[in-house]
Amino acid sequence: MDPTYSYNPEKNFQQGDNTEAMTLPPGPNGPVGTVWIDLEKETFGLHGTEDPHLVGKEQSHGCIRLTNWDATELAGMVSRGVEVSFVD
């Protein structure tokens, strides 16, 4: 809950011309919103977003974006070690 956002261009995708590592403070308007649910694959997760109107309309770099309220509800329903499956 209330995650900071850490970016490292050596681990993450390239964000524009940014080549520097950075950490942004937590908050609902941050890149990962109010919740980060970590997945086994490094840098991938389910998370909130500062732009709920873009959920389902904008590409991601592997993460699943949810509205902050849906991410918060989901976080209350899962626990560490729960298996996540993506079904088409």
PDB file of N, CA and C in Angstrom:
ATOM      1  N   MET A   1       0.848  -1.183   0.000  1.00  0.00           N
ATOM      2  CA  MET A   1       0.000   0.000   0.000  1.00  0.00           C
ATOM      3  C   MET A   1       0.889   1.240   0.000  1.00  0.00           C
ATOM      4  N   ASP A   2       0.445   2.278  -0.651  1.00  0.00           N
ATOM      5  CA  ASP A   2       1.185   3.539  -0.773  1.00  0.00           C
ATOM      6  C   ASP A   2       2.647   3.319  -1.175  1.00  0.00           C
ATOM      7  N   PRO A   3       2.879   2.697  -2.332  1.00  0.00           N
ATOM      8  CA  PRO A   3       4.251   2.398  -2.748  1.00  0.00           C
ATOM      9  C   PRO A   3       4.975   3.620  -3.298  1.00  0.00           C
ATOM     10  N   THR A   4       6.281   3.652  -3.081  1.00  0.00           N
ATOM     11  CA  THR A   4       7.096   4.603  -3.827  1.00  0.00           C
ATOM     12  C   THR A   4       7.275   4.012  -5.218  1.00  0.00           C
ATOM     13  N   TYR A   5       7.649   4.826  -6.168  1.00  0.00           N
ATOM     14  CA  TYR A   5       7.905   4.351  -7.522  1.00  0.00           C
ATOM     15  C   TYR A   5       9.394   4.481  -7.778  1.00  0.00           C
ATOM     16  N   SER A   6      10.029   3.361  -8.023  1.00  0.00           N
ATOM     17  CA  SER A   6      11.465   3.357  -8.314  1.00  0.00           C
ATOM     18  C   SER A   6      11.676   3.009  -9.773  1.00  0.00           C
ATOM     19  N   TYR A   7      12.500   3.787 -10.413  1.00  0.00           N
ATOM     20  CA  TYR A   7      12.814   3.573 -11.823  1.00  0.00           C
ATOM     21  C   TYR A   7      14.320   3.464 -11.983  1.00  0.00           C
ATOM     22  N   ASN A   8      14.743   2.412 -12.659  1.00  0.00           N
ATOM     23  CA  ASN A   8      16.151   2.219 -12.963  1.00  0.00           C
ATOM     24  C   ASN A   8      16.231   1.802 -14.430  1.00  0.00           C
ATOM     25  N   PRO A   9      16.768   2.649 -15.301  1.00  0.00           N
ATOM     26  CA  PRO A   9      16.786   2.320 -16.730  1.00  0.00           C
ATOM     27  C   PRO A   9      17.563   1.057 -17.072  1.00  0.00           C
ATOM     28  N   GLU A  10      18.390   0.571 -16.146  1.00  0.00           N
ATOM     29  CA  GLU A  10      19.102  -0.683 -16.403  1.00  0.00           C
ATOM     30  C   GLU A  10      18.208  -1.894 -16.152  1.00  0.00           C
ATOM     31  N   LYS A  11      17.114  -1.729 -15.384  1.00  0.00           N
ATOM     32  CA  LYS A  11      16.190  -2.827 -15.097  1.00  0.00           C
ATOM     33  C   LYS A  11      14.838  -2.637 -15.782  1.00  0.00           C
ATOM     34  N   ASN A  12      14.379  -1.393 -15.853  1.00  0.00           N
ATOM     35  CA  ASN A  12      13.070  -1.078 -16.411  1.00  0.00           C
ATOM     36  C   ASN A  12      13.188  -0.723 -17.885  1.00  0.00           C
ATOM     37  N   PHE A  13      12.059  -0.470 -18.483  1.00  0.00           N
ATOM     38  CA  PHE A  13      12.013   0.035 -19.842  1.00  0.00           C
ATOM     39  C   PHE A  13      12.571   1.464 -19.855  1.00  0.00           C
ATOM     40  N   GLN A  14      12.951   1.948 -21.015  1.00  0.00           N
ATOM     41  CA  GLN A  14      13.475   3.304 -21.142  1.00  0.00           C
ATOM     42  C   GLN A  14      12.313   4.291 -21.154  1.00  0.00           C
ATOM     43  N   GLN A  15      12.327   5.262 -20.267  1.00  0.00           N
ATOM     44  CA  GLN A  15      11.285   6.286 -20.205  1.00  0.00           C
ATOM     45  C   GLN A  15      11.789   7.544 -20.890  1.00  0.00           C
ATOM     46  N   GLY A  16      11.412   7.703 -22.146  1.00  0.00           N
ATOM     47  CA  GLY A  16      11.848   8.876 -22.897  1.00  0.00           C
ATOM     48  C   GLY A  16      13.359   8.960 -22.950  1.00  0.00           C
ATOM     49  N   ASP A  17      13.883  10.138 -22.663  1.00  0.00           N
ATOM     50  CA  ASP A  17      15.325  10.356 -22.687  1.00  0.00           C
ATOM     51  C   ASP A  17      15.954  10.160 -21.314  1.00  0.00           C
ATOM     52  N   ASN A  18      15.170   9.733 -20.328  1.00  0.00           N
ATOM     53  CA  ASN A  18      15.674   9.600 -18.960  1.00  0.00           C
ATOM     54  C   ASN A  18      16.637   8.424 -18.846  1.00  0.00           C
ATOM     55  N   THR A  19      17.849   8.720 -18.446  1.00  0.00           N
ATOM     56  CA  THR A  19      18.851   7.664 -18.252  1.00  0.00           C
ATOM     57  C   THR A  19      19.272   7.552 -16.797  1.00  0.00           C
ATOM     58  N   GLU A  20      18.647   8.316 -15.923  1.00  0.00           N
ATOM     59  CA  GLU A  20      18.985   8.337 -14.502  1.00  0.00           C
ATOM     60  C   GLU A  20      17.988   7.535 -13.679  1.00  0.00           C
ATOM     61  N   ALA A  21      18.468   6.845 -12.657  1.00  0.00           N
ATOM     62  CA  ALA A  21      17.582   6.165 -11.713  1.00  0.00           C
ATOM     63  C   ALA A  21      16.872   7.219 -10.879  1.00  0.00           C
ATOM     64  N   MET A  22      15.650   6.923 -10.454  1.00  0.00           N
ATOM     65  CA  MET A  22      14.902   7.870  -9.630  1.00  0.00           C
ATOM     66  C   MET A  22      13.898   7.132  -8.765  1.00  0.00           C
ATOM     67  N   THR A  23      13.494   7.778  -7.704  1.00  0.00           N
ATOM     68  CA  THR A  23      12.440   7.276  -6.838  1.00  0.00           C
ATOM     69  C   THR A  23      11.462   8.409  -6.592  1.00  0.00           C
ATOM     70  N   LEU A  24      10.180   8.141  -6.860  1.00  0.00           N
ATOM     71  CA  LEU A  24       9.133   9.131  -6.639  1.00  0.00           C
ATOM     72  C   LEU A  24       8.365   8.764  -5.377  1.00  0.00           C
ATOM     73  N   PRO A  25       7.886   9.755  -4.639  1.00  0.00           N
ATOM     74  CA  PRO A  25       7.188   9.475  -3.390  1.00  0.00           C
ATOM     75  C   PRO A  25       5.833   8.800  -3.633  1.00  0.00           C
ATOM     76  N   PRO A  26       5.300   8.148  -2.599  1.00  0.00           N
ATOM     77  CA  PRO A  26       3.997   7.501  -2.736  1.00  0.00           C
ATOM     78  C   PRO A  26       2.879   8.523  -2.864  1.00  0.00           C
ATOM     79  N   GLY A  27       1.752   8.054  -3.340  1.00  0.00           N
ATOM     80  CA  GLY A  27       0.579   8.903  -3.436  1.00  0.00           C
ATOM     81  C   GLY A  27      -0.305   8.487  -4.591  1.00  0.00           C
ATOM     82  N   PRO A  28      -1.565   8.867  -4.563  1.00  0.00           N
ATOM     83  CA  PRO A  28      -2.516   8.436  -5.584  1.00  0.00           C
ATOM     84  C   PRO A  28      -2.205   8.970  -6.979  1.00  0.00           C
ATOM     85  N   ASN A  29      -1.406  10.022  -7.070  1.00  0.00           N
ATOM     86  CA  ASN A  29      -1.085  10.593  -8.376  1.00  0.00           C
ATOM     87  C   ASN A  29       0.266  10.134  -8.910  1.00  0.00           C
ATOM     88  N   GLY A  30       0.882   9.156  -8.250  1.00  0.00           N
ATOM     89  CA  GLY A  30       2.141   8.606  -8.724  1.00  0.00           C
ATOM     90  C   GLY A  30       1.909   7.593  -9.828  1.00  0.00           C
ATOM     91  N   PRO A  31       2.956   7.182 -10.522  1.00  0.00           N
ATOM     92  CA  PRO A  31       2.824   6.244 -11.637  1.00  0.00           C
ATOM     93  C   PRO A  31       2.200   4.896 -11.276  1.00  0.00           C
ATOM     94  N   VAL A  32       2.318   4.458 -10.011  1.00  0.00           N
ATOM     95  CA  VAL A  32       1.723   3.180  -9.619  1.00  0.00           C
ATOM     96  C   VAL A  32       0.543   3.367  -8.663  1.00  0.00           C
ATOM     97  N   GLY A  33       0.059   4.582  -8.558  1.00  0.00           N
ATOM     98  CA  GLY A  33      -1.130   4.836  -7.751  1.00  0.00           C
ATOM     99  C   GLY A  33      -0.943   4.498  -6.285  1.00  0.00           C
ATOM    100  N   THR A  34      -2.000   3.999  -5.684  1.00  0.00           N
ATOM    101  CA  THR A  34      -2.015   3.756  -4.237  1.00  0.00           C
ATOM    102  C   THR A  34      -1.597   2.354  -3.837  1.00  0.00           C
ATOM    103  N   VAL A  35      -1.485   1.445  -4.817  1.00  0.00           N
ATOM    104  CA  VAL A  35      -1.200   0.030  -4.498  1.00  0.00           C
ATOM    105  C   VAL A  35      -0.259  -0.564  -5.536  1.00  0.00           C
ATOM    106  N   TRP A  36       0.692  -1.363  -5.065  1.00  0.00           N
ATOM    107  CA  TRP A  36       1.546  -2.172  -5.940  1.00  0.00           C
ATOM    108  C   TRP A  36       1.437  -3.606  -5.454  1.00  0.00           C
ATOM    109  N   ILE A  37       0.988  -4.513  -6.343  1.00  0.00           N
ATOM    110  CA  ILE A  37       0.929  -5.943  -6.049  1.00  0.00           C
ATOM    111  C   ILE A  37       2.012  -6.581  -6.907  1.00  0.00           C
ATOM    112  N   ASP A  38       3.091  -6.975  -6.254  1.00  0.00           N
ATOM    113  CA  ASP A  38       4.277  -7.470  -6.942  1.00  0.00           C
ATOM    114  C   ASP A  38       4.011  -8.835  -7.561  1.00  0.00           C
ATOM    115  N   LEU A  39       4.521  -9.036  -8.765  1.00  0.00           N
ATOM    116  CA  LEU A  39       4.473 -10.344  -9.411  1.00  0.00           C
ATOM    117  C   LEU A  39       5.870 -10.941  -9.383  1.00  0.00           C
ATOM    118  N   GLU A  40       5.954 -12.229  -9.689  1.00  0.00           N
ATOM    119  CA  GLU A  40       7.227 -12.934  -9.616  1.00  0.00           C
ATOM    120  C   GLU A  40       8.262 -12.366 -10.576  1.00  0.00           C
ATOM    121  N   LYS A  41       7.828 -11.933 -11.746  1.00  0.00           N
ATOM    122  CA  LYS A  41       8.768 -11.381 -12.727  1.00  0.00           C
ATOM    123  C   LYS A  41       9.163  -9.966 -12.283  1.00  0.00           C
ATOM    124  N   GLU A  42      10.466  -9.735 -12.180  1.00  0.00           N
ATOM    125  CA  GLU A  42      10.972  -8.452 -11.678  1.00  0.00           C
ATOM    126  C   GLU A  42      10.427  -7.279 -12.492  1.00  0.00           C
ATOM    127  N   THR A  43      10.023  -6.244 -11.825  1.00  0.00           N
ATOM    128  CA  THR A  43       9.464  -4.979 -12.330  1.00  0.00           C
ATOM    129  C   THR A  43       8.041  -5.108 -12.870  1.00  0.00           C
ATOM    130  N   PHE A  44       7.400  -6.276 -12.740  1.00  0.00           N
ATOM    131  CA  PHE A  44       6.029  -6.460 -13.193  1.00  0.00           C
ATOM    132  C   PHE A  44       5.100  -6.511 -11.985  1.00  0.00           C
ATOM    133  N   GLY A  45       3.926  -5.911 -12.126  1.00  0.00           N
ATOM    134  CA  GLY A  45       2.968  -5.947 -11.034  1.00  0.00           C
ATOM    135  C   GLY A  45       1.591  -5.506 -11.475  1.00  0.00           C
ATOM    136  N   LEU A  46       0.665  -5.606 -10.551  1.00  0.00           N
ATOM    137  CA  LEU A  46      -0.674  -5.066 -10.712  1.00  0.00           C
ATOM    138  C   LEU A  46      -0.701  -3.820  -9.841  1.00  0.00           C
ATOM    139  N   HIS A  47      -1.188  -2.718 -10.383  1.00  0.00           N
ATOM    140  CA  HIS A  47      -1.111  -1.482  -9.611  1.00  0.00           C
ATOM    141  C   HIS A  47      -2.186  -0.488 -10.005  1.00  0.00           C
ATOM    142  N   GLY A  48      -2.343   0.505  -9.145  1.00  0.00           N
ATOM    143  CA  GLY A  48      -3.237   1.609  -9.427  1.00  0.00           C
ATOM    144  C   GLY A  48      -2.600   2.543 -10.441  1.00  0.00           C
ATOM    145  N   THR A  49      -3.343   3.579 -10.789  1.00  0.00           N
ATOM    146  CA  THR A  49      -2.839   4.548 -11.750  1.00  0.00           C
ATOM    147  C   THR A  49      -3.356   5.934 -11.420  1.00  0.00           C
ATOM    148  N   GLU A  50      -2.565   6.925 -11.793  1.00  0.00           N
ATOM    149  CA  GLU A  50      -2.987   8.307 -11.601  1.00  0.00           C
ATOM    150  C   GLU A  50      -3.972   8.751 -12.676  1.00  0.00           C
ATOM    151  N   ASP A  51      -4.122   7.951 -13.733  1.00  0.00           N
ATOM    152  CA  ASP A  51      -5.019   8.283 -14.845  1.00  0.00           C
ATOM    153  C   ASP A  51      -6.053   7.184 -15.057  1.00  0.00           C
ATOM    154  N   PRO A  52      -7.082   7.095 -14.203  1.00  0.00           N
ATOM    155  CA  PRO A  52      -8.046   5.999 -14.330  1.00  0.00           C
ATOM    156  C   PRO A  52      -8.784   5.983 -15.662  1.00  0.00           C
ATOM    157  N   HIS A  53      -8.906   7.120 -16.314  1.00  0.00           N
ATOM    158  CA  HIS A  53      -9.603   7.157 -17.606  1.00  0.00           C
ATOM    159  C   HIS A  53      -8.805   6.462 -18.711  1.00  0.00           C
ATOM    160  N   LEU A  54      -7.527   6.148 -18.458  1.00  0.00           N
ATOM    161  CA  LEU A  54      -6.704   5.464 -19.455  1.00  0.00           C
ATOM    162  C   LEU A  54      -6.635   3.946 -19.241  1.00  0.00           C
ATOM    163  N   VAL A  55      -7.241   3.439 -18.172  1.00  0.00           N
ATOM    164  CA  VAL A  55      -7.229   1.990 -17.928  1.00  0.00           C
ATOM    165  C   VAL A  55      -7.886   1.293 -19.120  1.00  0.00           C
ATOM    166  N   GLY A  56      -7.163   0.361 -19.716  1.00  0.00           N
ATOM    167  CA  GLY A  56      -7.669  -0.382 -20.863  1.00  0.00           C
ATOM    168  C   GLY A  56      -7.513   0.340 -22.194  1.00  0.00           C
ATOM    169  N   LYS A  57      -6.962   1.544 -22.163  1.00  0.00           N
ATOM    170  CA  LYS A  57      -6.835   2.321 -23.396  1.00  0.00           C
ATOM    171  C   LYS A  57      -5.393   2.658 -23.747  1.00  0.00           C
ATOM    172  N   GLU A  58      -4.479   2.365 -22.857  1.00  0.00           N
ATOM    173  CA  GLU A  58      -3.077   2.707 -23.076  1.00  0.00           C
ATOM    174  C   GLU A  58      -2.219   1.475 -22.824  1.00  0.00           C
ATOM    175  N   GLN A  59      -1.165   1.316 -23.626  1.00  0.00           N
ATOM    176  CA  GLN A  59      -0.287   0.170 -23.456  1.00  0.00           C
ATOM    177  C   GLN A  59       0.563   0.301 -22.211  1.00  0.00           C
ATOM    178  N   SER A  60       0.925  -0.842 -21.680  1.00  0.00           N
ATOM    179  CA  SER A  60       1.790  -0.911 -20.520  1.00  0.00           C
ATOM    180  C   SER A  60       3.070  -1.613 -20.923  1.00  0.00           C
ATOM    181  N   HIS A  61       4.055  -1.575 -20.048  1.00  0.00           N
ATOM    182  CA  HIS A  61       5.304  -2.300 -20.278  1.00  0.00           C
ATOM    183  C   HIS A  61       5.304  -3.601 -19.497  1.00  0.00           C
ATOM    184  N   GLY A  62       4.131  -4.242 -19.389  1.00  0.00           N
ATOM    185  CA  GLY A  62       4.026  -5.533 -18.731  1.00  0.00           C
ATOM    186  C   GLY A  62       3.181  -5.524 -17.484  1.00  0.00           C
ATOM    187  N   CYS A  63       2.894  -4.360 -16.940  1.00  0.00           N
ATOM    188  CA  CYS A  63       2.073  -4.288 -15.733  1.00  0.00           C
ATOM    189  C   CYS A  63       0.593  -4.282 -16.089  1.00  0.00           C
ATOM    190  N   ILE A  64      -0.223  -4.570 -15.096  1.00  0.00           N
ATOM    191  CA  ILE A  64      -1.666  -4.481 -15.234  1.00  0.00           C
ATOM    192  C   ILE A  64      -2.113  -3.276 -14.422  1.00  0.00           C
ATOM    193  N   ARG A  65      -2.677  -2.298 -15.091  1.00  0.00           N
ATOM    194  CA  ARG A  65      -3.145  -1.088 -14.417  1.00  0.00           C
ATOM    195  C   ARG A  65      -4.613  -1.224 -14.054  1.00  0.00           C
ATOM    196  N   LEU A  66      -4.925  -0.789 -12.861  1.00  0.00           N
ATOM    197  CA  LEU A  66      -6.296  -0.757 -12.363  1.00  0.00           C
ATOM    198  C   LEU A  66      -6.560   0.643 -11.818  1.00  0.00           C
ATOM    199  N   THR A  67      -7.818   0.982 -11.655  1.00  0.00           N
ATOM    200  CA  THR A  67      -8.100   2.222 -10.946  1.00  0.00           C
ATOM    201  C   THR A  67      -7.573   2.067  -9.525  1.00  0.00           C
ATOM    202  N   ASN A  68      -7.263   3.153  -8.865  1.00  0.00           N
ATOM    203  CA  ASN A  68      -6.765   3.070  -7.489  1.00  0.00           C
ATOM    204  C   ASN A  68      -7.756   2.348  -6.587  1.00  0.00           C
ATOM    205  N   TRP A  69      -9.053   2.609  -6.755  1.00  0.00           N
ATOM    206  CA  TRP A  69     -10.052   1.969  -5.886  1.00  0.00           C
ATOM    207  C   TRP A  69     -10.144   0.475  -6.159  1.00  0.00           C
ATOM    208  N   ASP A  70     -10.011   0.046  -7.417  1.00  0.00           N
ATOM    209  CA  ASP A  70     -10.029  -1.393  -7.710  1.00  0.00           C
ATOM    210  C   ASP A  70      -8.749  -2.073  -7.221  1.00  0.00           C
ATOM    211  N   ALA A  71      -7.608  -1.414  -7.371  1.00  0.00           N
ATOM    212  CA  ALA A  71      -6.338  -1.977  -6.893  1.00  0.00           C
ATOM    213  C   ALA A  71      -6.370  -2.133  -5.375  1.00  0.00           C
ATOM    214  N   THR A  72      -6.926  -1.155  -4.680  1.00  0.00           N
ATOM    215  CA  THR A  72      -7.038  -1.228  -3.217  1.00  0.00           C
ATOM    216  C   THR A  72      -7.942  -2.377  -2.808  1.00  0.00           C
ATOM    217  N   GLU A  73      -9.061  -2.541  -3.494  1.00  0.00           N
ATOM    218  CA  GLU A  73      -9.974  -3.647  -3.177  1.00  0.00           C
ATOM    219  C   GLU A  73      -9.296  -4.992  -3.439  1.00  0.00           C
ATOM    220  N   LEU A  74      -8.616  -5.122  -4.580  1.00  0.00           N
ATOM    221  CA  LEU A  74      -7.922  -6.376  -4.907  1.00  0.00           C
ATOM    222  C   LEU A  74      -6.850  -6.690  -3.873  1.00  0.00           C
ATOM    223  N   ALA A  75      -6.097  -5.687  -3.461  1.00  0.00           N
ATOM    224  CA  ALA A  75      -5.034  -5.906  -2.472  1.00  0.00           C
ATOM    225  C   ALA A  75      -5.591  -6.464  -1.173  1.00  0.00           C
ATOM    226  N   GLY A  76      -6.809  -6.103  -0.835  1.00  0.00           N
ATOM    227  CA  GLY A  76      -7.442  -6.624   0.370  1.00  0.00           C
ATOM    228  C   GLY A  76      -7.939  -8.052   0.220  1.00  0.00           C
ATOM    229  N   MET A  77      -7.957  -8.560  -1.007  1.00  0.00           N
ATOM    230  CA  MET A  77      -8.469  -9.905  -1.276  1.00  0.00           C
ATOM    231  C   MET A  77      -7.374 -10.933  -1.501  1.00  0.00           C
ATOM    232  N   VAL A  78      -6.122 -10.496  -1.654  1.00  0.00           N
ATOM    233  CA  VAL A  78      -5.022 -11.427  -1.923  1.00  0.00           C
ATOM    234  C   VAL A  78      -3.981 -11.330  -0.818  1.00  0.00           C
ATOM    235  N   SER A  79      -3.134 -12.342  -0.761  1.00  0.00           N
ATOM    236  CA  SER A  79      -2.036 -12.327   0.211  1.00  0.00           C
ATOM    237  C   SER A  79      -0.768 -12.805  -0.485  1.00  0.00           C
ATOM    238  N   ARG A  80       0.361 -12.587   0.155  1.00  0.00           N
ATOM    239  CA  ARG A  80       1.653 -12.986  -0.392  1.00  0.00           C
ATOM    240  C   ARG A  80       1.608 -14.463  -0.772  1.00  0.00           C
ATOM    241  N   GLY A  81       2.103 -14.774  -1.951  1.00  0.00           N
ATOM    242  CA  GLY A  81       2.182 -16.158  -2.407  1.00  0.00           C
ATOM    243  C   GLY A  81       0.989 -16.630  -3.214  1.00  0.00           C
ATOM    244  N   VAL A  82      -0.053 -15.809  -3.329  1.00  0.00           N
ATOM    245  CA  VAL A  82      -1.215 -16.230  -4.109  1.00  0.00           C
ATOM    246  C   VAL A  82      -0.793 -16.394  -5.563  1.00  0.00           C
ATOM    247  N   GLU A  83      -1.308 -17.427  -6.213  1.00  0.00           N
ATOM    248  CA  GLU A  83      -0.969 -17.672  -7.607  1.00  0.00           C
ATOM    249  C   GLU A  83      -1.814 -16.793  -8.516  1.00  0.00           C
ATOM    250  N   VAL A  84      -1.170 -16.148  -9.473  1.00  0.00           N
ATOM    251  CA  VAL A  84      -1.847 -15.291 -10.444  1.00  0.00           C
ATOM    252  C   VAL A  84      -1.778 -15.953 -11.805  1.00  0.00           C
ATOM    253  N   SER A  85      -2.922 -16.086 -12.451  1.00  0.00           N
ATOM    254  CA  SER A  85      -2.969 -16.653 -13.799  1.00  0.00           C
ATOM    255  C   SER A  85      -3.693 -15.669 -14.716  1.00  0.00           C
ATOM    256  N   PHE A  86      -3.150 -15.454 -15.891  1.00  0.00           N
ATOM    257  CA  PHE A  86      -3.790 -14.620 -16.885  1.00  0.00           C
ATOM    258  C   PHE A  86      -4.452 -15.551 -17.891  1.00  0.00           C
ATOM    259  N   VAL A  87      -5.740 -15.421 -18.043  1.00  0.00           N
ATOM    260  CA  VAL A  87      -6.518 -16.307 -18.908  1.00  0.00           C
ATOM    261  C   VAL A  87      -7.097 -15.495 -20.043  1.00  0.00           C
ATOM    262  N   ASP A  88      -6.944 -15.992 -21.254  1.00  0.00           N
ATOM    263  CA  ASP A  88      -7.466 -15.295 -22.423  1.00  0.00           C
ATOM    264  C   ASP A  88      -8.912 -15.669 -22.642  1.00  0.00           C
TER     265      ASP A  88
END
